[in-house]
């Protein structure tokens, strides 16, 4: 009898256990579903966060590339300006010295303007050779004479001392050069002093 009571009690308990197991399974399924939804939301948030971080990183990279390009361009500009400055310094370092030499050239040319007699002929030839050698030497260093006789007047290279009426020449033509002008590597050292025609 005890066995049958135990059996009967056992049979009464089994449906309750099955029902509890079903409820547990249902609860566990709900919990798992909630966890899956939370994980999915976290993955979505992680994906959004990763996309945001990627966009920020790409923006930083683009900004740094731009900075590098600008710095490179600035360095190139500095190099180019430095090269130009060095070239100018080299070309025009002699400017003050060259201006001082112009008076020596003028004096040698004036010495040749006078009439030569037999007594001074040897000296004159010596002065001519000296002047020729001197002009050849200064030309090697970029000093070039401006002798505009017969050319049109150019106020950037010539300084008009006077204007003289001359029907044989067009207006603003250099009739005579009183003092030659000079350039150093294309830069004016001294303008040529000239007499200009007014025309006819």
N, C-alpha and C. Protein backbone atom coordinates (compact mmCIF):
# COMPACT_ATOMS: atom_id res chain seq x y z
N UNK A 1 0.79 -1.16 0.00
CA UNK A 1 0.00 0.00 0.00
C UNK A 1 0.85 1.26 0.00
N UNK A 2 1.88 1.15 0.68
CA UNK A 2 2.76 2.27 0.70
C UNK A 2 3.30 2.50 -0.69
N UNK A 3 3.58 1.44 -1.38
CA UNK A 3 4.10 1.59 -2.73
C UNK A 3 3.06 2.23 -3.62
N UNK A 4 1.83 1.85 -3.45
CA UNK A 4 0.82 2.40 -4.32
C UNK A 4 0.57 3.86 -3.96
N UNK A 5 0.73 4.21 -2.69
CA UNK A 5 0.55 5.60 -2.31
C UNK A 5 1.70 6.42 -2.89
N UNK A 6 2.87 5.88 -2.85
CA UNK A 6 4.02 6.58 -3.36
C UNK A 6 3.86 6.73 -4.86
N UNK A 7 3.36 5.69 -5.47
CA UNK A 7 3.15 5.75 -6.91
C UNK A 7 2.11 6.79 -7.26
N UNK A 8 1.05 6.82 -6.51
CA UNK A 8 -0.02 7.77 -6.77
C UNK A 8 0.49 9.18 -6.55
N UNK A 9 1.28 9.37 -5.49
CA UNK A 9 1.81 10.69 -5.20
C UNK A 9 2.79 11.09 -6.29
N UNK A 10 3.53 10.12 -6.73
CA UNK A 10 4.51 10.37 -7.78
C UNK A 10 3.81 10.76 -9.06
N UNK A 11 2.69 10.13 -9.35
CA UNK A 11 1.96 10.44 -10.57
C UNK A 11 1.33 11.82 -10.48
N UNK A 12 0.91 12.22 -9.27
CA UNK A 12 0.31 13.54 -9.09
C UNK A 12 1.38 14.64 -9.23
N UNK A 13 2.60 14.33 -8.82
CA UNK A 13 3.67 15.31 -8.82
C UNK A 13 4.22 15.49 -10.25
N UNK A 14 4.23 14.47 -11.04
CA UNK A 14 4.82 14.53 -12.38
C UNK A 14 4.19 15.60 -13.27
N UNK A 15 2.86 15.74 -13.30
CA UNK A 15 2.32 16.80 -14.13
C UNK A 15 2.74 18.18 -13.62
N UNK A 16 2.89 18.34 -12.33
CA UNK A 16 3.30 19.64 -11.79
C UNK A 16 4.74 19.95 -12.19
N UNK A 17 5.58 18.89 -12.14
CA UNK A 17 6.98 19.06 -12.52
C UNK A 17 7.06 19.40 -14.00
N UNK A 18 6.29 18.71 -14.80
CA UNK A 18 6.30 18.96 -16.24
C UNK A 18 5.85 20.39 -16.53
N UNK A 19 4.83 20.83 -15.75
CA UNK A 19 4.32 22.19 -15.94
C UNK A 19 5.38 23.21 -15.53
N UNK A 20 6.08 22.94 -14.41
CA UNK A 20 7.13 23.84 -13.96
C UNK A 20 8.28 23.86 -14.97
N UNK A 21 8.61 22.67 -15.49
CA UNK A 21 9.68 22.60 -16.51
C UNK A 21 9.30 23.41 -17.74
N UNK A 22 8.05 23.33 -18.14
CA UNK A 22 7.58 24.08 -19.31
C UNK A 22 7.69 25.58 -19.04
N UNK A 23 7.29 25.99 -17.81
CA UNK A 23 7.38 27.40 -17.45
C UNK A 23 8.85 27.86 -17.43
N UNK A 24 9.72 27.00 -16.87
CA UNK A 24 11.14 27.32 -16.84
C UNK A 24 11.70 27.45 -18.26
N UNK A 25 11.31 26.51 -19.11
CA UNK A 25 11.77 26.57 -20.51
C UNK A 25 11.29 27.85 -21.18
N UNK A 26 10.03 28.20 -20.88
CA UNK A 26 9.45 29.42 -21.48
C UNK A 26 10.18 30.65 -20.96
N UNK A 27 10.45 30.70 -19.67
CA UNK A 27 11.15 31.83 -19.05
C UNK A 27 12.58 31.92 -19.61
N UNK A 28 13.22 30.75 -19.71
CA UNK A 28 14.57 30.73 -20.23
C UNK A 28 14.59 31.21 -21.69
N UNK A 29 13.60 30.82 -22.47
CA UNK A 29 13.52 31.26 -23.86
C UNK A 29 13.33 32.77 -23.93
N UNK A 30 12.48 33.31 -23.01
CA UNK A 30 12.27 34.76 -22.98
C UNK A 30 13.56 35.49 -22.62
N UNK A 31 14.28 34.95 -21.62
CA UNK A 31 15.54 35.56 -21.19
C UNK A 31 16.55 35.51 -22.34
N UNK A 32 16.63 34.37 -23.00
CA UNK A 32 17.56 34.24 -24.12
C UNK A 32 17.20 35.20 -25.24
N UNK A 33 15.88 35.38 -25.48
CA UNK A 33 15.42 36.30 -26.52
C UNK A 33 15.80 37.73 -26.15
N UNK A 34 15.59 38.08 -24.87
CA UNK A 34 15.96 39.42 -24.41
C UNK A 34 17.47 39.65 -24.54
N UNK A 35 18.24 38.62 -24.15
CA UNK A 35 19.70 38.73 -24.26
C UNK A 35 20.13 38.88 -25.72
N UNK A 36 19.47 38.13 -26.60
CA UNK A 36 19.79 38.22 -28.03
C UNK A 36 19.47 39.62 -28.55
N UNK A 37 18.32 40.19 -28.09
CA UNK A 37 17.95 41.54 -28.53
C UNK A 37 18.97 42.57 -28.01
N UNK A 38 19.36 42.41 -26.73
CA UNK A 38 20.35 43.32 -26.16
C UNK A 38 21.69 43.20 -26.91
N UNK A 39 22.09 41.97 -27.21
CA UNK A 39 23.34 41.75 -27.95
C UNK A 39 23.25 42.38 -29.34
N UNK A 40 22.08 42.23 -29.97
CA UNK A 40 21.88 42.82 -31.30
C UNK A 40 21.96 44.34 -31.23
N UNK A 41 21.33 44.91 -30.18
CA UNK A 41 21.38 46.36 -30.01
C UNK A 41 22.82 46.82 -29.74
N UNK A 42 23.54 46.04 -28.90
CA UNK A 42 24.93 46.39 -28.62
C UNK A 42 25.77 46.32 -29.89
N UNK A 43 25.51 45.30 -30.72
CA UNK A 43 26.25 45.19 -31.98
C UNK A 43 25.93 46.37 -32.89
N UNK A 44 24.65 46.77 -32.91
CA UNK A 44 24.28 47.93 -33.72
C UNK A 44 24.99 49.18 -33.20
N UNK A 45 24.99 49.33 -31.84
CA UNK A 45 25.68 50.47 -31.25
C UNK A 45 27.18 50.40 -31.54
N UNK A 46 27.75 49.19 -31.42
CA UNK A 46 29.16 49.03 -31.73
C UNK A 46 29.44 49.37 -33.19
N UNK A 47 28.58 48.95 -34.10
CA UNK A 47 28.75 49.24 -35.52
C UNK A 47 28.66 50.75 -35.76
N UNK A 48 27.69 51.41 -35.11
CA UNK A 48 27.54 52.86 -35.25
C UNK A 48 28.77 53.56 -34.68
N UNK A 49 29.22 53.10 -33.51
CA UNK A 49 30.39 53.70 -32.88
C UNK A 49 31.64 53.48 -33.75
N UNK A 50 31.78 52.27 -34.29
CA UNK A 50 32.92 51.98 -35.16
C UNK A 50 32.87 52.84 -36.42
N UNK A 51 31.69 53.00 -36.99
CA UNK A 51 31.55 53.84 -38.18
C UNK A 51 31.92 55.29 -37.86
N UNK A 52 31.50 55.75 -36.68
CA UNK A 52 31.83 57.11 -36.24
C UNK A 52 33.34 57.26 -36.06
N UNK A 53 33.97 56.27 -35.40
CA UNK A 53 35.41 56.31 -35.19
C UNK A 53 36.16 56.26 -36.53
N UNK A 54 35.65 55.44 -37.46
CA UNK A 54 36.27 55.35 -38.78
C UNK A 54 36.20 56.70 -39.50
N UNK A 55 35.03 57.34 -39.44
CA UNK A 55 34.87 58.64 -40.09
C UNK A 55 35.82 59.67 -39.46
N UNK A 56 35.93 59.65 -38.13
CA UNK A 56 36.84 60.58 -37.45
C UNK A 56 38.29 60.31 -37.85
N UNK A 57 38.66 59.03 -37.91
CA UNK A 57 40.03 58.67 -38.30
C UNK A 57 40.32 59.11 -39.73
N UNK A 58 39.34 58.90 -40.62
CA UNK A 58 39.53 59.32 -42.01
C UNK A 58 39.66 60.84 -42.12
N UNK A 59 38.87 61.56 -41.33
CA UNK A 59 38.96 63.02 -41.34
C UNK A 59 40.33 63.48 -40.83
N UNK A 60 40.81 62.82 -39.78
CA UNK A 60 42.13 63.15 -39.23
C UNK A 60 43.23 62.88 -40.26
N UNK A 61 43.11 61.74 -40.94
CA UNK A 61 44.10 61.40 -41.97
C UNK A 61 44.09 62.44 -43.09
N UNK A 62 42.90 62.82 -43.54
CA UNK A 62 42.79 63.82 -44.61
C UNK A 62 43.40 65.15 -44.16
N UNK A 63 43.12 65.52 -42.91
CA UNK A 63 43.66 66.78 -42.37
C UNK A 63 45.19 66.72 -42.30
N UNK A 64 45.71 65.58 -41.84
CA UNK A 64 47.16 65.44 -41.74
C UNK A 64 47.82 65.42 -43.12
N UNK A 65 47.16 64.76 -44.09
CA UNK A 65 47.69 64.77 -45.46
C UNK A 65 47.75 66.21 -45.98
N UNK A 66 46.69 66.97 -45.73
CA UNK A 66 46.65 68.37 -46.17
C UNK A 66 47.77 69.17 -45.51
N UNK A 67 47.97 68.93 -44.21
CA UNK A 67 49.02 69.63 -43.48
C UNK A 67 50.40 69.28 -44.06
N UNK A 68 50.60 68.00 -44.35
CA UNK A 68 51.88 67.57 -44.92
C UNK A 68 52.10 68.21 -46.29
N UNK A 69 51.05 68.23 -47.12
CA UNK A 69 51.17 68.83 -48.46
C UNK A 69 51.48 70.32 -48.36
N UNK A 70 50.81 71.00 -47.44
CA UNK A 70 51.07 72.43 -47.26
C UNK A 70 52.50 72.68 -46.78
N UNK A 71 52.94 71.84 -45.84
CA UNK A 71 54.30 71.99 -45.33
C UNK A 71 55.32 71.74 -46.44
N UNK A 72 55.07 70.73 -47.26
CA UNK A 72 55.97 70.43 -48.38
C UNK A 72 56.00 71.60 -49.36
N UNK A 73 54.83 72.16 -49.67
CA UNK A 73 54.78 73.31 -50.58
C UNK A 73 55.53 74.50 -49.99
N UNK A 74 55.38 74.72 -48.69
CA UNK A 74 56.08 75.83 -48.03
C UNK A 74 57.59 75.63 -48.09
N UNK A 75 58.04 74.39 -47.86
CA UNK A 75 59.47 74.09 -47.93
C UNK A 75 59.98 74.33 -49.35
N UNK A 76 59.21 73.87 -50.35
CA UNK A 76 59.60 74.10 -51.74
C UNK A 76 59.70 75.59 -52.05
N UNK A 77 58.73 76.38 -51.56
CA UNK A 77 58.75 77.83 -51.77
C UNK A 77 59.97 78.47 -51.09
N UNK A 78 60.27 78.02 -49.89
CA UNK A 78 61.43 78.57 -49.17
C UNK A 78 62.71 78.26 -49.93
N UNK A 79 62.82 77.02 -50.42
CA UNK A 79 64.01 76.65 -51.19
C UNK A 79 64.14 77.51 -52.44
N UNK A 80 63.01 77.68 -53.14
CA UNK A 80 63.03 78.46 -54.38
C UNK A 80 63.41 79.92 -54.09
N UNK A 81 62.80 80.50 -53.03
CA UNK A 81 63.13 81.89 -52.68
C UNK A 81 64.60 82.02 -52.27
N UNK A 82 65.09 81.02 -51.52
CA UNK A 82 66.49 81.06 -51.09
C UNK A 82 67.42 80.99 -52.30
N UNK A 83 67.08 80.14 -53.26
CA UNK A 83 67.91 80.04 -54.47
C UNK A 83 67.90 81.36 -55.24
N UNK A 84 66.73 81.99 -55.34
CA UNK A 84 66.63 83.28 -56.03
C UNK A 84 67.44 84.34 -55.28
N UNK A 85 67.32 84.35 -53.94
CA UNK A 85 68.06 85.32 -53.14
C UNK A 85 69.57 85.13 -53.29
N UNK A 86 70.00 83.86 -53.30
CA UNK A 86 71.44 83.59 -53.46
C UNK A 86 71.91 84.07 -54.83
N UNK A 87 71.09 83.78 -55.86
CA UNK A 87 71.45 84.22 -57.21
C UNK A 87 71.53 85.74 -57.29
N UNK A 88 70.53 86.42 -56.71
CA UNK A 88 70.54 87.89 -56.72
C UNK A 88 71.74 88.42 -55.94
N UNK A 89 72.00 87.84 -54.79
CA UNK A 89 73.13 88.30 -53.98
C UNK A 89 74.43 88.13 -54.75
N UNK A 90 74.54 87.00 -55.45
CA UNK A 90 75.75 86.76 -56.25
C UNK A 90 75.85 87.74 -57.41
N UNK A 91 74.72 87.94 -58.11
CA UNK A 91 74.72 88.82 -59.27
C UNK A 91 74.98 90.28 -58.91
N UNK A 92 74.47 90.71 -57.76
CA UNK A 92 74.54 92.13 -57.43
C UNK A 92 75.46 92.45 -56.26
N UNK A 93 76.25 91.48 -55.82
CA UNK A 93 77.20 91.73 -54.74
C UNK A 93 78.26 92.74 -55.18
N UNK A 94 78.52 92.76 -56.46
CA UNK A 94 79.54 93.65 -56.99
C UNK A 94 79.02 95.05 -57.31
N UNK A 95 77.75 95.31 -57.03
CA UNK A 95 77.13 96.56 -57.48
C UNK A 95 77.89 97.81 -57.00
N UNK A 96 78.17 97.88 -55.71
CA UNK A 96 78.85 99.07 -55.18
C UNK A 96 80.26 99.18 -55.78
N UNK A 97 80.95 98.06 -55.84
CA UNK A 97 82.29 98.04 -56.41
C UNK A 97 82.25 98.44 -57.88
N UNK A 98 81.26 97.92 -58.61
CA UNK A 98 81.12 98.23 -60.04
C UNK A 98 80.87 99.72 -60.25
N UNK A 99 80.04 100.33 -59.40
CA UNK A 99 79.78 101.77 -59.53
C UNK A 99 81.06 102.58 -59.36
N UNK A 100 81.92 102.13 -58.45
CA UNK A 100 83.19 102.83 -58.24
C UNK A 100 84.10 102.69 -59.45
N UNK A 101 84.02 101.56 -60.16
CA UNK A 101 84.87 101.35 -61.34
C UNK A 101 84.45 102.24 -62.51
N UNK A 102 83.20 102.67 -62.53
CA UNK A 102 82.71 103.47 -63.66
C UNK A 102 83.49 104.77 -63.82
N UNK A 103 83.88 105.38 -62.72
CA UNK A 103 84.65 106.64 -62.83
C UNK A 103 86.03 106.38 -63.43
N UNK A 104 86.60 105.20 -63.17
CA UNK A 104 87.90 104.86 -63.77
C UNK A 104 87.73 104.72 -65.28
N UNK A 105 86.66 104.04 -65.70
CA UNK A 105 86.39 103.88 -67.14
C UNK A 105 86.20 105.25 -67.79
N UNK A 106 85.40 106.12 -67.12
CA UNK A 106 85.16 107.47 -67.66
C UNK A 106 86.47 108.23 -67.84
N UNK A 107 87.35 108.15 -66.85
CA UNK A 107 88.63 108.88 -66.93
C UNK A 107 89.51 108.35 -68.05
N UNK A 108 89.53 107.04 -68.24
CA UNK A 108 90.33 106.47 -69.33
C UNK A 108 89.76 106.90 -70.68
N UNK A 109 88.43 106.95 -70.80
CA UNK A 109 87.81 107.39 -72.06
C UNK A 109 88.09 108.87 -72.32
N UNK A 110 88.06 109.70 -71.26
CA UNK A 110 88.36 111.13 -71.42
C UNK A 110 89.82 111.33 -71.86
N UNK A 111 90.70 110.50 -71.35
CA UNK A 111 92.12 110.62 -71.72
C UNK A 111 92.32 110.37 -73.20
N UNK A 112 91.43 109.59 -73.80
CA UNK A 112 91.56 109.28 -75.23
C UNK A 112 90.88 110.33 -76.11
N UNK A 113 90.10 111.24 -75.54
CA UNK A 113 89.36 112.21 -76.34
C UNK A 113 90.23 113.34 -76.88
N UNK A 114 91.29 113.66 -76.24
CA UNK A 114 92.15 114.77 -76.70
C UNK A 114 92.93 114.38 -77.95
N UNK A 115 93.48 115.41 -78.60
CA UNK A 115 94.32 115.17 -79.78
C UNK A 115 95.66 114.59 -79.34
N UNK A 116 96.14 113.66 -80.13
CA UNK A 116 97.43 113.04 -79.81
C UNK A 116 98.50 113.57 -80.75
N UNK A 117 99.63 113.92 -80.19
CA UNK A 117 100.77 114.28 -81.02
C UNK A 117 101.79 113.14 -80.90
N UNK A 118 102.90 113.32 -81.57
CA UNK A 118 103.89 112.24 -81.59
C UNK A 118 104.43 111.94 -80.20
N UNK A 119 104.55 112.93 -79.36
CA UNK A 119 105.11 112.73 -78.02
C UNK A 119 104.18 111.92 -77.13
N UNK A 120 102.88 112.09 -77.31
CA UNK A 120 101.91 111.39 -76.45
C UNK A 120 101.30 110.16 -77.11
N UNK A 121 101.72 109.84 -78.33
CA UNK A 121 101.12 108.71 -79.06
C UNK A 121 101.32 107.39 -78.31
N UNK A 122 102.50 107.16 -77.78
CA UNK A 122 102.77 105.91 -77.06
C UNK A 122 101.90 105.80 -75.81
N UNK A 123 101.74 106.93 -75.12
CA UNK A 123 100.89 106.95 -73.92
C UNK A 123 99.45 106.68 -74.31
N UNK A 124 99.02 107.30 -75.39
CA UNK A 124 97.64 107.11 -75.86
C UNK A 124 97.38 105.64 -76.18
N UNK A 125 98.32 105.00 -76.89
CA UNK A 125 98.15 103.59 -77.21
C UNK A 125 98.09 102.74 -75.95
N UNK A 126 98.91 103.09 -74.97
CA UNK A 126 98.89 102.37 -73.68
C UNK A 126 97.54 102.52 -72.99
N UNK A 127 97.00 103.74 -73.02
CA UNK A 127 95.68 103.98 -72.40
C UNK A 127 94.60 103.21 -73.14
N UNK A 128 94.67 103.18 -74.49
CA UNK A 128 93.69 102.42 -75.28
C UNK A 128 93.71 100.94 -74.91
N UNK A 129 94.91 100.39 -74.83
CA UNK A 129 95.04 98.97 -74.47
C UNK A 129 94.54 98.71 -73.04
N UNK A 130 94.86 99.63 -72.15
CA UNK A 130 94.40 99.49 -70.76
C UNK A 130 92.88 99.53 -70.69
N UNK A 131 92.27 100.49 -71.40
CA UNK A 131 90.82 100.62 -71.42
C UNK A 131 90.17 99.37 -72.02
N UNK A 132 90.72 98.90 -73.13
CA UNK A 132 90.18 97.71 -73.78
C UNK A 132 90.24 96.50 -72.85
N UNK A 133 91.37 96.32 -72.20
CA UNK A 133 91.55 95.20 -71.26
C UNK A 133 90.61 95.34 -70.06
N UNK A 134 90.49 96.57 -69.57
CA UNK A 134 89.63 96.84 -68.41
C UNK A 134 88.16 96.54 -68.74
N UNK A 135 87.70 97.02 -69.92
CA UNK A 135 86.31 96.77 -70.33
C UNK A 135 86.05 95.28 -70.53
N UNK A 136 87.01 94.58 -71.10
CA UNK A 136 86.88 93.14 -71.29
C UNK A 136 86.74 92.42 -69.95
N UNK A 137 87.52 92.86 -68.98
CA UNK A 137 87.48 92.24 -67.65
C UNK A 137 86.14 92.50 -66.95
N UNK A 138 85.66 93.74 -66.99
CA UNK A 138 84.40 94.03 -66.29
C UNK A 138 83.21 93.37 -66.97
N UNK A 139 83.30 93.15 -68.29
CA UNK A 139 82.21 92.45 -68.99
C UNK A 139 82.09 91.01 -68.52
N UNK A 140 83.21 90.40 -68.14
CA UNK A 140 83.18 89.03 -67.62
C UNK A 140 82.35 88.94 -66.35
N UNK A 141 82.26 90.03 -65.62
CA UNK A 141 81.50 90.05 -64.36
C UNK A 141 80.11 90.65 -64.52
N UNK A 142 79.66 90.80 -65.76
CA UNK A 142 78.28 91.23 -66.01
C UNK A 142 78.08 92.72 -66.16
N UNK A 143 79.15 93.50 -66.22
CA UNK A 143 79.02 94.95 -66.40
C UNK A 143 79.03 95.23 -67.89
N UNK A 144 77.97 95.89 -68.36
CA UNK A 144 77.81 96.14 -69.80
C UNK A 144 77.53 97.62 -70.02
N UNK A 145 78.18 98.19 -71.04
CA UNK A 145 78.00 99.61 -71.37
C UNK A 145 76.69 99.82 -72.12
N UNK A 146 76.07 100.99 -71.87
CA UNK A 146 74.88 101.42 -72.61
C UNK A 146 75.30 102.64 -73.43
N UNK A 147 75.38 102.46 -74.75
CA UNK A 147 75.77 103.56 -75.65
C UNK A 147 74.66 103.70 -76.69
N UNK A 148 73.61 104.50 -76.39
CA UNK A 148 72.40 104.50 -77.20
C UNK A 148 72.36 105.49 -78.37
N UNK A 149 73.48 105.95 -78.86
CA UNK A 149 73.47 106.96 -79.93
C UNK A 149 72.69 106.43 -81.14
N UNK A 150 71.71 107.23 -81.60
CA UNK A 150 70.89 106.87 -82.75
C UNK A 150 69.66 106.04 -82.40
N UNK A 151 69.53 105.62 -81.15
CA UNK A 151 68.39 104.82 -80.71
C UNK A 151 67.28 105.73 -80.19
N UNK A 152 66.11 105.16 -80.01
CA UNK A 152 65.00 105.90 -79.41
C UNK A 152 65.29 106.12 -77.93
N UNK A 153 64.88 107.27 -77.42
CA UNK A 153 65.09 107.60 -76.02
C UNK A 153 64.29 106.64 -75.14
N UNK A 154 64.95 106.06 -74.14
CA UNK A 154 64.31 105.14 -73.19
C UNK A 154 64.54 105.69 -71.79
N UNK A 155 63.50 106.24 -71.15
CA UNK A 155 63.69 106.86 -69.84
C UNK A 155 64.14 105.89 -68.75
N UNK A 156 64.01 104.58 -68.99
CA UNK A 156 64.46 103.61 -67.99
C UNK A 156 65.97 103.43 -68.03
N UNK A 157 66.60 103.77 -69.16
CA UNK A 157 68.05 103.58 -69.29
C UNK A 157 68.80 104.86 -69.62
N UNK A 158 68.07 105.90 -69.99
CA UNK A 158 68.72 107.15 -70.42
C UNK A 158 68.26 108.31 -69.56
N UNK A 159 69.15 109.28 -69.40
CA UNK A 159 68.79 110.52 -68.73
C UNK A 159 69.06 111.66 -69.70
N UNK A 160 67.99 112.37 -70.08
CA UNK A 160 68.13 113.46 -71.06
C UNK A 160 68.70 114.69 -70.37
N UNK A 161 69.80 115.19 -70.93
CA UNK A 161 70.41 116.41 -70.41
C UNK A 161 69.75 117.61 -71.08
N UNK A 162 69.50 117.47 -72.38
CA UNK A 162 68.84 118.55 -73.12
C UNK A 162 68.16 117.97 -74.35
N UNK A 163 67.28 118.81 -74.94
CA UNK A 163 66.60 118.44 -76.18
C UNK A 163 66.96 119.50 -77.22
N UNK A 164 67.34 119.03 -78.41
CA UNK A 164 67.80 119.94 -79.46
C UNK A 164 66.95 119.70 -80.71
N UNK A 165 66.47 120.80 -81.36
CA UNK A 165 65.73 120.61 -82.61
C UNK A 165 66.66 120.06 -83.68
N UNK A 166 66.20 119.04 -84.38
CA UNK A 166 66.99 118.45 -85.46
C UNK A 166 66.02 117.86 -86.48
N UNK A 167 65.87 118.54 -87.65
CA UNK A 167 64.92 118.07 -88.65
C UNK A 167 65.35 116.75 -89.31
N UNK A 168 66.60 116.38 -89.18
CA UNK A 168 67.09 115.16 -89.82
C UNK A 168 66.75 113.90 -89.02
N UNK A 169 66.44 114.05 -87.74
CA UNK A 169 66.16 112.88 -86.88
C UNK A 169 64.72 112.93 -86.38
N UNK A 170 64.10 111.77 -86.20
CA UNK A 170 62.76 111.76 -85.60
C UNK A 170 62.81 112.26 -84.15
N UNK A 171 61.68 112.70 -83.66
CA UNK A 171 61.61 113.18 -82.28
C UNK A 171 61.97 112.04 -81.32
N UNK A 172 62.54 112.41 -80.18
CA UNK A 172 62.92 111.47 -79.13
C UNK A 172 63.97 110.45 -79.58
N UNK A 173 64.88 110.89 -80.43
CA UNK A 173 66.01 110.04 -80.83
C UNK A 173 67.26 110.57 -80.14
N UNK A 174 68.08 109.66 -79.63
CA UNK A 174 69.32 110.07 -78.96
C UNK A 174 70.30 110.57 -80.02
N UNK A 175 70.65 111.87 -79.93
CA UNK A 175 71.57 112.47 -80.90
C UNK A 175 73.03 112.27 -80.48
N UNK A 176 73.28 112.42 -79.20
CA UNK A 176 74.66 112.33 -78.72
C UNK A 176 74.66 111.77 -77.30
N UNK A 177 75.72 111.05 -76.97
CA UNK A 177 75.87 110.47 -75.62
C UNK A 177 76.98 111.24 -74.92
N UNK A 178 76.63 111.94 -73.84
CA UNK A 178 77.61 112.70 -73.09
C UNK A 178 78.39 111.80 -72.12
N UNK A 179 77.70 110.83 -71.57
CA UNK A 179 78.34 109.87 -70.66
C UNK A 179 77.62 108.53 -70.81
N UNK A 180 78.37 107.46 -71.06
CA UNK A 180 77.76 106.14 -71.24
C UNK A 180 77.09 105.69 -69.95
N UNK A 181 76.04 104.90 -70.13
CA UNK A 181 75.41 104.27 -68.98
C UNK A 181 75.95 102.85 -68.84
N UNK A 182 75.65 102.22 -67.71
CA UNK A 182 76.13 100.85 -67.48
C UNK A 182 75.08 100.03 -66.75
N UNK A 183 75.09 98.73 -67.05
CA UNK A 183 74.21 97.76 -66.39
C UNK A 183 75.08 96.69 -65.74
N UNK A 184 74.58 96.14 -64.63
CA UNK A 184 75.22 94.99 -63.99
C UNK A 184 74.22 93.85 -64.00
N UNK A 185 74.48 92.85 -64.81
CA UNK A 185 73.58 91.69 -64.94
C UNK A 185 72.14 92.10 -65.20
N UNK A 186 71.97 93.08 -66.09
CA UNK A 186 70.63 93.52 -66.47
C UNK A 186 70.05 94.60 -65.58
N UNK A 187 70.67 94.91 -64.47
CA UNK A 187 70.18 95.97 -63.57
C UNK A 187 70.98 97.25 -63.84
N UNK A 188 70.27 98.36 -63.94
CA UNK A 188 70.90 99.64 -64.27
C UNK A 188 71.80 100.10 -63.13
N UNK A 189 73.07 100.34 -63.47
CA UNK A 189 74.01 100.93 -62.51
C UNK A 189 73.98 102.45 -62.61
N UNK A 190 73.98 102.92 -63.86
CA UNK A 190 73.99 104.35 -64.12
C UNK A 190 73.33 104.59 -65.47
N UNK A 191 72.39 105.55 -65.55
CA UNK A 191 71.77 105.83 -66.85
C UNK A 191 72.76 106.57 -67.76
N UNK A 192 72.56 106.41 -69.05
CA UNK A 192 73.38 107.14 -70.03
C UNK A 192 72.89 108.59 -70.08
N UNK A 193 73.82 109.53 -70.02
CA UNK A 193 73.49 110.96 -70.12
C UNK A 193 73.46 111.31 -71.61
N UNK A 194 72.29 111.74 -72.11
CA UNK A 194 72.13 111.90 -73.56
C UNK A 194 71.51 113.24 -73.93
N UNK A 195 71.74 113.61 -75.19
CA UNK A 195 71.06 114.76 -75.81
C UNK A 195 70.05 114.17 -76.78
N UNK A 196 68.81 114.64 -76.68
CA UNK A 196 67.71 114.04 -77.43
C UNK A 196 67.20 115.02 -78.48
N UNK A 197 66.82 114.47 -79.64
CA UNK A 197 66.27 115.28 -80.73
C UNK A 197 64.81 115.62 -80.46
N UNK A 198 64.45 116.88 -80.77
CA UNK A 198 63.04 117.29 -80.68
C UNK A 198 62.31 117.02 -81.98
N UNK A 199 63.01 116.68 -83.00
CA UNK A 199 62.39 116.47 -84.31
C UNK A 199 62.41 117.77 -85.10
N UNK A 200 61.71 117.76 -86.25
CA UNK A 200 61.77 118.93 -87.12
C UNK A 200 60.56 119.70 -87.10
